[in-house]
Amino acid sequence: MIKAIYSINGAVTNEYNAIRIADDYKKKPDIAWIDIHLGNHELTHDETALLSDSFKFHEMSIEDCLFPQYYPKMEEFENYVFGAIHGIQLKPNYFQEFENSIYELNFFVGKGFIVTVHTEELFFLETLFERAKARPRIEMKSLENMLYNIFNKVVSSYEFTLEKIDDKLEELEGDVLEAPETENMEEILNIKKVIFSMRKIAESQQASYMYFTRANNNLIAREYLVYFRDINTQCARMNQAIVMRNQMVVSLIEVYMSSVTVKLTEVMKFLTVIATILMPVLVVSSYYGMNVDFPEYLIFGRAGCWSFAMSVMLVFMVAMLIYFKKKKWF
């Protein structure tokens, strides 16, 4: 699926046919954005002709769009720059299957044009495209403005994911402190996997954005360099935030283990107290359980001896309870 918006002599046009886009591109539009969604990971014949014949893109760049790789890329050619960046578009059950939420966005940038190619439907590009149709004078005032908006949305997707992680960590922290369960550890490990995946793709993204901060860049006007330096700074801050979240997860695992240990200690303490209190009962019952005549029989008789034995057990139990309470052992 292909769509395009471009301005020719001040007139803004929307087009969804690759052949017509190729014909209009011959008229040298002032600024153009072509977006291609590879629904079946394939380019149609007309889309391939548009990229290779009209824009003169190298076949290796086009091939990279068809076979995405989860690493950033930036290549400079004679009339354009090709790049590949990665973002996050969260899907259901993303904590369990986070890899499916990572997308690759390939782009070609040259004098007066941007071509974006992606294999997944990216909703933020739909939003940007609709905004460009509704407010072309603002959204399409320059190539740098359009490119900045795209980069900003990609980097912001990491921040949105970190917010989701923060909410989940806060929820888990409360659960772990209150009553740690095995399910809590499973969720913590899922978050750790998410952070690891984010860190794996985010650390290397900064190099791609740094290309557009160079003062000798032929594509970006000098007055717009500050916008892309902002993207670069935002990316660096994001990497630091990911590292910090990783440390938070490690700390939460330690809290979980400590909570489990404390809980186990309380259980063992309770069982120890019970066993200790019942120890005199065991001793007295073992003594009177012997099949012999005891001196107490002569004093209290058989019925009274039973009462005497029960009294001894009760006295010992009460005495030990008072002692444990005084020592604050429970």
C-alpha atoms as a PDB file:
ATOM      1  CA  MET A   1       0.000   0.000   0.000  1.00  0.00           C
ATOM      2  CA  ILE A   2       1.377   3.359  -1.032  1.00  0.00           C
ATOM      3  CA  LYS A   3       0.291   6.897  -0.321  1.00  0.00           C
ATOM      4  CA  ALA A   4       1.877  10.243  -0.925  1.00  0.00           C
ATOM      5  CA  ILE A   5       1.426  13.902  -0.179  1.00  0.00           C
ATOM      6  CA  TYR A   6       3.428  16.530  -2.021  1.00  0.00           C
ATOM      7  CA  SER A   7       3.405  20.178  -2.965  1.00  0.00           C
ATOM      8  CA  ILE A   8       3.912  21.396  -6.530  1.00  0.00           C
ATOM      9  CA  ASN A   9       4.051  25.179  -6.941  1.00  0.00           C
ATOM     10  CA  GLY A  10       2.148  25.599  -3.683  1.00  0.00           C
ATOM     11  CA  ALA A  11      -0.631  23.151  -4.595  1.00  0.00           C
ATOM     12  CA  VAL A  12      -0.819  20.183  -2.218  1.00  0.00           C
ATOM     13  CA  THR A  13      -1.826  16.809  -3.689  1.00  0.00           C
ATOM     14  CA  ASN A  14      -2.666  13.445  -2.101  1.00  0.00           C
ATOM     15  CA  GLU A  15      -2.062  10.388  -4.235  1.00  0.00           C
ATOM     16  CA  TYR A  16      -2.401   6.611  -3.716  1.00  0.00           C
ATOM     17  CA  ASN A  17      -1.266   5.289  -7.076  1.00  0.00           C
ATOM     18  CA  ALA A  18       2.420   4.540  -7.661  1.00  0.00           C
ATOM     19  CA  ILE A  19       2.296   5.330 -11.398  1.00  0.00           C
ATOM     20  CA  ARG A  20       0.686   8.736 -10.850  1.00  0.00           C
ATOM     21  CA  ILE A  21       3.137   9.504  -8.063  1.00  0.00           C
ATOM     22  CA  ALA A  22       6.001   8.700 -10.457  1.00  0.00           C
ATOM     23  CA  ASP A  23       4.510  10.993 -13.107  1.00  0.00           C
ATOM     24  CA  ASP A  24       4.015  13.842 -10.619  1.00  0.00           C
ATOM     25  CA  TYR A  25       7.554  13.433  -9.278  1.00  0.00           C
ATOM     26  CA  LYS A  26       8.859  14.324 -12.730  1.00  0.00           C
ATOM     27  CA  LYS A  27       7.348  17.795 -12.147  1.00  0.00           C
ATOM     28  CA  LYS A  28       9.880  18.364  -9.342  1.00  0.00           C
ATOM     29  CA  PRO A  29       7.627  18.893  -6.294  1.00  0.00           C
ATOM     30  CA  ASP A  30       8.784  21.380  -3.676  1.00  0.00           C
ATOM     31  CA  ILE A  31       8.414  18.805  -0.946  1.00  0.00           C
ATOM     32  CA  ALA A  32       7.096  15.247  -0.983  1.00  0.00           C
ATOM     33  CA  TRP A  33       6.439  12.457   1.491  1.00  0.00           C
ATOM     34  CA  ILE A  34       5.798   8.968   0.166  1.00  0.00           C
ATOM     35  CA  ASP A  35       4.858   6.227   2.631  1.00  0.00           C
ATOM     36  CA  ILE A  36       4.887   2.539   1.664  1.00  0.00           C
ATOM     37  CA  HIS A  37       3.394  -0.183   3.855  1.00  0.00           C
ATOM     38  CA  LEU A  38       4.672  -3.613   2.835  1.00  0.00           C
ATOM     39  CA  GLY A  39       1.654  -5.672   3.788  1.00  0.00           C
ATOM     40  CA  ASN A  40       3.104  -8.951   2.476  1.00  0.00           C
ATOM     41  CA  HIS A  41       6.767  -7.957   2.885  1.00  0.00           C
ATOM     42  CA  GLU A  42       6.840  -7.323  -0.851  1.00  0.00           C
ATOM     43  CA  LEU A  43       6.890  -4.341  -3.177  1.00  0.00           C
ATOM     44  CA  THR A  44       4.574  -4.259  -6.130  1.00  0.00           C
ATOM     45  CA  HIS A  45       6.025  -3.825  -9.603  1.00  0.00           C
ATOM     46  CA  ASP A  46       4.891  -0.182  -9.740  1.00  0.00           C
ATOM     47  CA  GLU A  47       6.314   0.586  -6.291  1.00  0.00           C
ATOM     48  CA  THR A  48       9.640  -0.993  -7.239  1.00  0.00           C
ATOM     49  CA  ALA A  49       9.729   1.063 -10.437  1.00  0.00           C
ATOM     50  CA  LEU A  50       8.985   4.221  -8.438  1.00  0.00           C
ATOM     51  CA  LEU A  51      11.848   3.629  -6.019  1.00  0.00           C
ATOM     52  CA  SER A  52      14.431   2.393  -8.507  1.00  0.00           C
ATOM     53  CA  ASP A  53      13.587   4.419 -11.629  1.00  0.00           C
ATOM     54  CA  SER A  54      12.051   7.660 -10.391  1.00  0.00           C
ATOM     55  CA  PHE A  55      14.048   8.159  -7.164  1.00  0.00           C
ATOM     56  CA  LYS A  56      17.134   6.235  -8.355  1.00  0.00           C
ATOM     57  CA  PHE A  57      17.529   4.364  -5.056  1.00  0.00           C
ATOM     58  CA  HIS A  58      20.224   1.713  -4.878  1.00  0.00           C
ATOM     59  CA  GLU A  59      18.994  -1.862  -5.097  1.00  0.00           C
ATOM     60  CA  MET A  60      20.725  -2.754  -1.819  1.00  0.00           C
ATOM     61  CA  SER A  61      18.764  -0.049   0.001  1.00  0.00           C
ATOM     62  CA  ILE A  62      15.519  -1.345  -1.463  1.00  0.00           C
ATOM     63  CA  GLU A  63      16.439  -4.899  -0.466  1.00  0.00           C
ATOM     64  CA  ASP A  64      17.089  -3.774   3.131  1.00  0.00           C
ATOM     65  CA  CYS A  65      13.481  -2.576   3.274  1.00  0.00           C
ATOM     66  CA  LEU A  66      12.210  -6.028   2.318  1.00  0.00           C
ATOM     67  CA  PHE A  67      14.292  -7.861   4.946  1.00  0.00           C
ATOM     68  CA  PRO A  68      14.270  -5.833   8.150  1.00  0.00           C
ATOM     69  CA  GLN A  69      16.990  -6.340  10.713  1.00  0.00           C
ATOM     70  CA  TYR A  70      16.848  -5.221  14.327  1.00  0.00           C
ATOM     71  CA  TYR A  71      19.872  -2.950  14.151  1.00  0.00           C
ATOM     72  CA  PRO A  72      20.103   0.701  13.064  1.00  0.00           C
ATOM     73  CA  LYS A  73      21.626   1.649   9.784  1.00  0.00           C
ATOM     74  CA  MET A  74      22.701   4.854   8.078  1.00  0.00           C
ATOM     75  CA  GLU A  75      24.156   4.963   4.567  1.00  0.00           C
ATOM     76  CA  GLU A  76      24.957   8.019   2.506  1.00  0.00           C
ATOM     77  CA  PHE A  77      24.564   7.894  -1.274  1.00  0.00           C
ATOM     78  CA  GLU A  78      25.071  10.478  -3.965  1.00  0.00           C
ATOM     79  CA  ASN A  79      21.530  11.889  -4.015  1.00  0.00           C
ATOM     80  CA  TYR A  80      19.968  10.564  -0.800  1.00  0.00           C
ATOM     81  CA  VAL A  81      20.544   9.079   2.640  1.00  0.00           C
ATOM     82  CA  PHE A  82      19.114   5.716   3.610  1.00  0.00           C
ATOM     83  CA  GLY A  83      18.485   4.841   7.239  1.00  0.00           C
ATOM     84  CA  ALA A  84      16.799   2.248   9.419  1.00  0.00           C
ATOM     85  CA  ILE A  85      15.582   3.055  12.910  1.00  0.00           C
ATOM     86  CA  HIS A  86      13.502   1.101  15.409  1.00  0.00           C
ATOM     87  CA  GLY A  87      10.619   1.974  17.657  1.00  0.00           C
ATOM     88  CA  ILE A  88       7.983   0.331  19.818  1.00  0.00           C
ATOM     89  CA  GLN A  89       4.292  -0.028  19.082  1.00  0.00           C
ATOM     90  CA  LEU A  90       2.848  -1.966  22.007  1.00  0.00           C
ATOM     91  CA  LYS A  91       0.622  -4.940  21.264  1.00  0.00           C
ATOM     92  CA  PRO A  92      -1.549  -7.078  23.572  1.00  0.00           C
ATOM     93  CA  ASN A  93       0.454  -9.210  26.026  1.00  0.00           C
ATOM     94  CA  TYR A  94       3.535  -7.125  25.286  1.00  0.00           C
ATOM     95  CA  PHE A  95       5.118  -8.016  28.626  1.00  0.00           C
ATOM     96  CA  GLN A  96       5.101 -11.687  27.588  1.00  0.00           C
ATOM     97  CA  GLU A  97       5.822 -11.219  23.853  1.00  0.00           C
ATOM     98  CA  PHE A  98       7.612  -7.901  23.640  1.00  0.00           C
ATOM     99  CA  GLU A  99       9.639  -8.775  20.537  1.00  0.00           C
ATOM    100  CA  ASN A 100       6.455  -8.524  18.466  1.00  0.00           C
ATOM    101  CA  SER A 101       6.047  -4.880  19.524  1.00  0.00           C
ATOM    102  CA  ILE A 102       9.362  -3.751  17.999  1.00  0.00           C
ATOM    103  CA  TYR A 103       9.148  -2.355  14.480  1.00  0.00           C
ATOM    104  CA  GLU A 104      11.674  -1.164  11.934  1.00  0.00           C
ATOM    105  CA  LEU A 105      11.164   2.025   9.972  1.00  0.00           C
ATOM    106  CA  ASN A 106      13.261   2.474   6.831  1.00  0.00           C
ATOM    107  CA  PHE A 107      13.547   5.915   5.276  1.00  0.00           C
ATOM    108  CA  PHE A 108      15.097   7.626   2.281  1.00  0.00           C
ATOM    109  CA  VAL A 109      15.822  11.334   2.618  1.00  0.00           C
ATOM    110  CA  GLY A 110      16.940  13.574  -0.205  1.00  0.00           C
ATOM    111  CA  LYS A 111      16.533  17.129  -1.414  1.00  0.00           C
ATOM    112  CA  GLY A 112      12.813  17.831  -1.062  1.00  0.00           C
ATOM    113  CA  PHE A 113      11.587  14.284  -0.389  1.00  0.00           C
ATOM    114  CA  ILE A 114      11.114  11.690   2.327  1.00  0.00           C
ATOM    115  CA  VAL A 115      10.208   8.079   1.569  1.00  0.00           C
ATOM    116  CA  THR A 116       9.267   5.844   4.496  1.00  0.00           C
ATOM    117  CA  VAL A 117       8.965   2.060   4.154  1.00  0.00           C
ATOM    118  CA  HIS A 118       7.742  -0.338   6.855  1.00  0.00           C
ATOM    119  CA  THR A 119       6.353  -3.855   7.100  1.00  0.00           C
ATOM    120  CA  GLU A 120       3.917  -3.141   9.942  1.00  0.00           C
ATOM    121  CA  GLU A 121       1.028  -0.717  10.051  1.00  0.00           C
ATOM    122  CA  LEU A 122       2.314   2.232  12.087  1.00  0.00           C
ATOM    123  CA  PHE A 123      -0.472   4.303  13.560  1.00  0.00           C
ATOM    124  CA  PHE A 124       1.669   7.339  14.308  1.00  0.00           C
ATOM    125  CA  LEU A 125       2.536   7.654  10.614  1.00  0.00           C
ATOM    126  CA  GLU A 126      -1.180   7.590   9.828  1.00  0.00           C
ATOM    127  CA  THR A 127      -1.676  10.413  12.311  1.00  0.00           C
ATOM    128  CA  LEU A 128       1.184  12.469  10.857  1.00  0.00           C
ATOM    129  CA  PHE A 129      -0.095  11.886   7.324  1.00  0.00           C
ATOM    130  CA  GLU A 130      -3.619  13.021   8.235  1.00  0.00           C
ATOM    131  CA  ARG A 131      -2.209  16.083   9.964  1.00  0.00           C
ATOM    132  CA  ALA A 132      -0.205  16.914   6.838  1.00  0.00           C
ATOM    133  CA  LYS A 133      -3.372  16.635   4.740  1.00  0.00           C
ATOM    134  CA  ALA A 134      -5.333  18.835   7.141  1.00  0.00           C
ATOM    135  CA  ARG A 135      -2.633  21.463   7.760  1.00  0.00           C
ATOM    136  CA  PRO A 136      -0.130  21.298   4.884  1.00  0.00           C
ATOM    137  CA  ARG A 137       1.152  24.859   5.400  1.00  0.00           C
ATOM    138  CA  ILE A 138       2.238  23.954   8.951  1.00  0.00           C
ATOM    139  CA  GLU A 139       3.180  20.298   8.735  1.00  0.00           C
ATOM    140  CA  MET A 140       4.865  20.529   5.316  1.00  0.00           C
ATOM    141  CA  LYS A 141       6.584  23.863   5.700  1.00  0.00           C
ATOM    142  CA  SER A 142       9.977  22.160   5.389  1.00  0.00           C
ATOM    143  CA  LEU A 143      11.605  18.769   4.929  1.00  0.00           C
ATOM    144  CA  GLU A 144      13.309  19.157   8.307  1.00  0.00           C
ATOM    145  CA  ASN A 145       9.989  19.700  10.069  1.00  0.00           C
ATOM    146  CA  MET A 146       8.483  16.513   8.618  1.00  0.00           C
ATOM    147  CA  LEU A 147      11.569  14.463   9.392  1.00  0.00           C
ATOM    148  CA  TYR A 148      11.746  15.807  12.949  1.00  0.00           C
ATOM    149  CA  ASN A 149       8.101  14.886  13.575  1.00  0.00           C
ATOM    150  CA  ILE A 150       8.736  11.308  12.442  1.00  0.00           C
ATOM    151  CA  PHE A 151      11.895  10.898  14.540  1.00  0.00           C
ATOM    152  CA  ASN A 152      10.244  12.455  17.573  1.00  0.00           C
ATOM    153  CA  LYS A 153       7.367   9.955  17.451  1.00  0.00           C
ATOM    154  CA  VAL A 154       9.760   7.005  17.162  1.00  0.00           C
ATOM    155  CA  VAL A 155      11.844   8.091  20.162  1.00  0.00           C
ATOM    156  CA  SER A 156       8.732   8.965  22.173  1.00  0.00           C
ATOM    157  CA  SER A 157       7.515   5.383  21.778  1.00  0.00           C
ATOM    158  CA  TYR A 158      10.311   4.292  24.118  1.00  0.00           C
ATOM    159  CA  GLU A 159       9.233   6.828  26.729  1.00  0.00           C
ATOM    160  CA  PHE A 160       5.638   5.601  26.556  1.00  0.00           C
ATOM    161  CA  THR A 161       6.832   2.024  27.096  1.00  0.00           C
ATOM    162  CA  LEU A 162       8.934   3.131  30.078  1.00  0.00           C
ATOM    163  CA  GLU A 163       5.837   4.725  31.590  1.00  0.00           C
ATOM    164  CA  LYS A 164       4.022   1.394  31.277  1.00  0.00           C
ATOM    165  CA  ILE A 165       6.977  -0.332  32.941  1.00  0.00           C
ATOM    166  CA  ASP A 166       6.957   2.219  35.781  1.00  0.00           C
ATOM    167  CA  ASP A 167       3.261   1.592  36.425  1.00  0.00           C
ATOM    168  CA  LYS A 168       3.808  -2.159  36.449  1.00  0.00           C
ATOM    169  CA  LEU A 169       6.838  -1.914  38.746  1.00  0.00           C
ATOM    170  CA  GLU A 170       4.902   0.259  41.193  1.00  0.00           C
ATOM    171  CA  GLU A 171       2.059  -2.253  41.230  1.00  0.00           C
ATOM    172  CA  LEU A 172       4.431  -5.184  41.708  1.00  0.00           C
ATOM    173  CA  GLU A 173       6.319  -3.423  44.490  1.00  0.00           C
ATOM    174  CA  GLY A 174       3.102  -3.100  46.490  1.00  0.00           C
ATOM    175  CA  ASP A 175       2.200  -6.749  45.887  1.00  0.00           C
ATOM    176  CA  VAL A 176       5.677  -7.984  46.807  1.00  0.00           C
ATOM    177  CA  LEU A 177       5.779  -6.029  50.053  1.00  0.00           C
ATOM    178  CA  GLU A 178       2.282  -7.129  51.017  1.00  0.00           C
ATOM    179  CA  ALA A 179       2.279 -10.810  50.043  1.00  0.00           C
ATOM    180  CA  PRO A 180       4.980 -12.109  47.658  1.00  0.00           C
ATOM    181  CA  GLU A 181       3.768 -14.839  45.319  1.00  0.00           C
ATOM    182  CA  THR A 182       5.410 -16.930  42.599  1.00  0.00           C
ATOM    183  CA  GLU A 183       3.382 -15.042  39.975  1.00  0.00           C
ATOM    184  CA  ASN A 184       5.075 -11.816  41.077  1.00  0.00           C
ATOM    185  CA  MET A 185       8.509 -13.198  40.235  1.00  0.00           C
ATOM    186  CA  GLU A 186       7.273 -14.326  36.809  1.00  0.00           C
ATOM    187  CA  GLU A 187       6.006 -10.813  36.088  1.00  0.00           C
ATOM    188  CA  ILE A 188       9.261  -9.260  37.300  1.00  0.00           C
ATOM    189  CA  LEU A 189      11.271 -11.534  34.990  1.00  0.00           C
ATOM    190  CA  ASN A 190       8.973 -10.615  32.078  1.00  0.00           C
ATOM    191  CA  ILE A 191       9.678  -6.935  32.739  1.00  0.00           C
ATOM    192  CA  LYS A 192      13.390  -7.692  32.866  1.00  0.00           C
ATOM    193  CA  LYS A 193      13.132  -9.319  29.425  1.00  0.00           C
ATOM    194  CA  VAL A 194      11.308  -6.245  28.092  1.00  0.00           C
ATOM    195  CA  ILE A 195      14.000  -3.912  29.414  1.00  0.00           C
ATOM    196  CA  PHE A 196      16.723  -6.134  27.974  1.00  0.00           C
ATOM    197  CA  SER A 197      15.063  -6.050  24.541  1.00  0.00           C
ATOM    198  CA  MET A 198      14.669  -2.274  24.737  1.00  0.00           C
ATOM    199  CA  ARG A 199      18.286  -1.845  25.754  1.00  0.00           C
ATOM    200  CA  LYS A 200      19.442  -4.093  22.939  1.00  0.00           C
ATOM    201  CA  ILE A 201      17.879  -1.896  20.240  1.00  0.00           C
ATOM    202  CA  ALA A 202      18.018   1.518  21.945  1.00  0.00           C
ATOM    203  CA  GLU A 203      21.722   1.791  22.729  1.00  0.00           C
ATOM    204  CA  SER A 204      22.701   1.808  19.064  1.00  0.00           C
ATOM    205  CA  GLN A 205      19.893   4.120  17.850  1.00  0.00           C
ATOM    206  CA  GLN A 206      21.682   7.289  18.876  1.00  0.00           C
ATOM    207  CA  ALA A 207      24.316   6.894  16.166  1.00  0.00           C
ATOM    208  CA  SER A 208      21.617   7.112  13.477  1.00  0.00           C
ATOM    209  CA  TYR A 209      20.144  10.357  14.799  1.00  0.00           C
ATOM    210  CA  MET A 210      23.589  11.845  15.313  1.00  0.00           C
ATOM    211  CA  TYR A 211      24.086  11.936  11.536  1.00  0.00           C
ATOM    212  CA  PHE A 212      21.493  14.718  11.239  1.00  0.00           C
ATOM    213  CA  THR A 213      23.234  16.874  13.857  1.00  0.00           C
ATOM    214  CA  ARG A 214      26.383  17.328  11.759  1.00  0.00           C
ATOM    215  CA  ALA A 215      27.065  20.914  10.739  1.00  0.00           C
ATOM    216  CA  ASN A 216      28.284  19.812   7.276  1.00  0.00           C
ATOM    217  CA  ASN A 217      25.057  17.951   6.584  1.00  0.00           C
ATOM    218  CA  ASN A 218      23.784  18.684   3.070  1.00  0.00           C
ATOM    219  CA  LEU A 219      20.177  17.749   3.859  1.00  0.00           C
ATOM    220  CA  ILE A 220      19.475  19.715   7.038  1.00  0.00           C
ATOM    221  CA  ALA A 221      19.614  23.517   7.072  1.00  0.00           C
ATOM    222  CA  ARG A 222      21.767  24.981   9.812  1.00  0.00           C
ATOM    223  CA  GLU A 223      18.835  26.600  11.636  1.00  0.00           C
ATOM    224  CA  TYR A 224      17.184  23.179  11.992  1.00  0.00           C
ATOM    225  CA  LEU A 225      20.178  21.380  13.488  1.00  0.00           C
ATOM    226  CA  VAL A 226      19.005  22.264  16.997  1.00  0.00           C
ATOM    227  CA  TYR A 227      15.857  20.177  16.460  1.00  0.00           C
ATOM    228  CA  PHE A 228      17.867  17.072  15.660  1.00  0.00           C
ATOM    229  CA  ARG A 229      20.272  17.747  18.518  1.00  0.00           C
ATOM    230  CA  ASP A 230      17.156  17.664  20.687  1.00  0.00           C
ATOM    231  CA  ILE A 231      16.299  14.229  19.247  1.00  0.00           C
ATOM    232  CA  ASN A 232      19.844  13.061  19.962  1.00  0.00           C
ATOM    233  CA  THR A 233      19.639  14.336  23.549  1.00  0.00           C
ATOM    234  CA  GLN A 234      16.246  12.724  23.987  1.00  0.00           C
ATOM    235  CA  CYS A 235      17.681   9.423  22.765  1.00  0.00           C
ATOM    236  CA  ALA A 236      20.622   9.657  25.196  1.00  0.00           C
ATOM    237  CA  ARG A 237      18.259  10.420  28.070  1.00  0.00           C
ATOM    238  CA  MET A 238      16.135   7.443  27.057  1.00  0.00           C
ATOM    239  CA  ASN A 239      19.143   5.113  27.205  1.00  0.00           C
ATOM    240  CA  GLN A 240      19.949   6.336  30.701  1.00  0.00           C
ATOM    241  CA  ALA A 241      16.326   5.789  31.724  1.00  0.00           C
ATOM    242  CA  ILE A 242      16.412   2.204  30.427  1.00  0.00           C
ATOM    243  CA  VAL A 243      19.564   1.487  32.458  1.00  0.00           C
ATOM    244  CA  MET A 244      17.909   2.973  35.536  1.00  0.00           C
ATOM    245  CA  ARG A 245      14.793   0.802  35.039  1.00  0.00           C
ATOM    246  CA  ASN A 246      17.026  -2.241  34.791  1.00  0.00           C
ATOM    247  CA  GLN A 247      18.544  -1.377  38.159  1.00  0.00           C
ATOM    248  CA  MET A 248      15.041  -0.923  39.582  1.00  0.00           C
ATOM    249  CA  VAL A 249      14.090  -4.424  38.432  1.00  0.00           C
ATOM    250  CA  VAL A 250      17.209  -5.880  40.062  1.00  0.00           C
ATOM    251  CA  SER A 251      16.319  -4.056  43.288  1.00  0.00           C
ATOM    252  CA  LEU A 252      12.742  -5.347  43.078  1.00  0.00           C
ATOM    253  CA  ILE A 253      14.027  -8.915  42.731  1.00  0.00           C
ATOM    254  CA  GLU A 254      16.085  -8.376  45.883  1.00  0.00           C
ATOM    255  CA  VAL A 255      13.014  -7.004  47.657  1.00  0.00           C
ATOM    256  CA  TYR A 256      11.037 -10.054  46.538  1.00  0.00           C
ATOM    257  CA  MET A 257      13.690 -12.449  47.832  1.00  0.00           C
ATOM    258  CA  SER A 258      13.882 -10.535  51.115  1.00  0.00           C
ATOM    259  CA  SER A 259      10.088 -10.590  51.482  1.00  0.00           C
ATOM    260  CA  VAL A 260       9.984 -14.326  50.824  1.00  0.00           C
ATOM    261  CA  THR A 261      12.775 -14.859  53.363  1.00  0.00           C
ATOM    262  CA  VAL A 262      10.967 -12.758  55.964  1.00  0.00           C
ATOM    263  CA  LYS A 263       7.736 -14.632  55.325  1.00  0.00           C
ATOM    264  CA  LEU A 264       9.495 -17.976  55.607  1.00  0.00           C
ATOM    265  CA  THR A 265      11.209 -16.837  58.812  1.00  0.00           C
ATOM    266  CA  GLU A 266       7.866 -15.886  60.324  1.00  0.00           C
ATOM    267  CA  VAL A 267       6.433 -19.290  59.470  1.00  0.00           C
ATOM    268  CA  MET A 268       9.454 -21.104  60.896  1.00  0.00           C
ATOM    269  CA  LYS A 269       9.303 -18.944  64.022  1.00  0.00           C
ATOM    270  CA  PHE A 270       5.637 -19.758  64.528  1.00  0.00           C
ATOM    271  CA  LEU A 271       6.201 -23.479  64.050  1.00  0.00           C
ATOM    272  CA  THR A 272       9.187 -23.400  66.408  1.00  0.00           C
ATOM    273  CA  VAL A 273       7.124 -21.711  69.110  1.00  0.00           C
ATOM    274  CA  ILE A 274       4.344 -24.288  68.711  1.00  0.00           C
ATOM    275  CA  ALA A 275       6.809 -27.183  68.841  1.00  0.00           C
ATOM    276  CA  THR A 276       8.531 -25.730  71.906  1.00  0.00           C
ATOM    277  CA  ILE A 277       5.254 -25.176  73.759  1.00  0.00           C
ATOM    278  CA  LEU A 278       4.143 -28.740  73.028  1.00  0.00           C
ATOM    279  CA  MET A 279       7.459 -30.207  74.174  1.00  0.00           C
ATOM    280  CA  PRO A 280       6.425 -30.387  77.906  1.00  0.00           C
ATOM    281  CA  VAL A 281       3.175 -32.036  76.832  1.00  0.00           C
ATOM    282  CA  LEU A 282       5.201 -34.658  74.986  1.00  0.00           C
ATOM    283  CA  VAL A 283       7.496 -35.237  77.973  1.00  0.00           C
ATOM    284  CA  VAL A 284       4.673 -35.491  80.534  1.00  0.00           C
ATOM    285  CA  SER A 285       2.516 -37.708  78.296  1.00  0.00           C
ATOM    286  CA  SER A 286       5.495 -39.977  77.617  1.00  0.00           C
ATOM    287  CA  TYR A 287       6.184 -40.253  81.332  1.00  0.00           C
ATOM    288  CA  TYR A 288       2.664 -41.165  82.277  1.00  0.00           C
ATOM    289  CA  GLY A 289       2.290 -43.354  79.222  1.00  0.00           C
ATOM    290  CA  MET A 290       4.610 -45.986  80.645  1.00  0.00           C
ATOM    291  CA  ASN A 291       2.864 -49.197  81.687  1.00  0.00           C
ATOM    292  CA  VAL A 292       4.024 -49.072  85.372  1.00  0.00           C
ATOM    293  CA  ASP A 293       2.590 -48.008  88.720  1.00  0.00           C
ATOM    294  CA  PHE A 294       3.496 -44.411  89.541  1.00  0.00           C
ATOM    295  CA  PRO A 295       3.768 -42.967  93.096  1.00  0.00           C
ATOM    296  CA  GLU A 296       1.158 -40.403  92.071  1.00  0.00           C
ATOM    297  CA  TYR A 297      -1.395 -43.212  91.869  1.00  0.00           C
ATOM    298  CA  LEU A 298      -1.072 -43.742  95.639  1.00  0.00           C
ATOM    299  CA  ILE A 299      -1.551 -40.002  96.321  1.00  0.00           C
ATOM    300  CA  PHE A 300      -4.234 -38.950  93.785  1.00  0.00           C
ATOM    301  CA  GLY A 301      -5.662 -42.255  92.654  1.00  0.00           C
ATOM    302  CA  ARG A 302      -6.104 -43.259  88.996  1.00  0.00           C
ATOM    303  CA  ALA A 303      -8.700 -40.546  88.182  1.00  0.00           C
ATOM    304  CA  GLY A 304      -6.882 -37.853  90.121  1.00  0.00           C
ATOM    305  CA  CYS A 305      -3.590 -38.721  88.494  1.00  0.00           C
ATOM    306  CA  TRP A 306      -5.059 -37.867  85.095  1.00  0.00           C
ATOM    307  CA  SER A 307      -6.106 -34.443  86.391  1.00  0.00           C
ATOM    308  CA  PHE A 308      -2.666 -33.955  87.934  1.00  0.00           C
ATOM    309  CA  ALA A 309      -0.916 -34.772  84.640  1.00  0.00           C
ATOM    310  CA  MET A 310      -3.155 -32.414  82.656  1.00  0.00           C
ATOM    311  CA  SER A 311      -2.523 -29.662  85.214  1.00  0.00           C
ATOM    312  CA  VAL A 312       1.241 -30.119  84.900  1.00  0.00           C
ATOM    313  CA  MET A 313       1.010 -29.893  81.110  1.00  0.00           C
ATOM    314  CA  LEU A 314      -1.146 -26.771  81.297  1.00  0.00           C
ATOM    315  CA  VAL A 315       1.129 -25.059  83.809  1.00  0.00           C
ATOM    316  CA  PHE A 316       4.207 -25.680  81.677  1.00  0.00           C
ATOM    317  CA  MET A 317       2.446 -24.420  78.522  1.00  0.00           C
ATOM    318  CA  VAL A 318       1.220 -21.235  80.204  1.00  0.00           C
ATOM    319  CA  ALA A 319       4.627 -20.639  81.788  1.00  0.00           C
ATOM    320  CA  MET A 320       6.384 -20.961  78.405  1.00  0.00           C
ATOM    321  CA  LEU A 321       3.852 -18.679  76.713  1.00  0.00           C
ATOM    322  CA  ILE A 322       4.445 -16.022  79.380  1.00  0.00           C
ATOM    323  CA  TYR A 323       8.203 -16.425  78.996  1.00  0.00           C
ATOM    324  CA  PHE A 324       8.091 -16.134  75.181  1.00  0.00           C
ATOM    325  CA  LYS A 325       5.816 -13.103  75.410  1.00  0.00           C
ATOM    326  CA  LYS A 326       8.164 -11.425  77.877  1.00  0.00           C
ATOM    327  CA  LYS A 327      11.092 -12.072  75.528  1.00  0.00           C
ATOM    328  CA  LYS A 328       8.970 -10.696  72.608  1.00  0.00           C
ATOM    329  CA  TRP A 329       9.577 -13.776  70.517  1.00  0.00           C
ATOM    330  CA  PHE A 330       6.065 -13.518  69.074  1.00  0.00           C
END
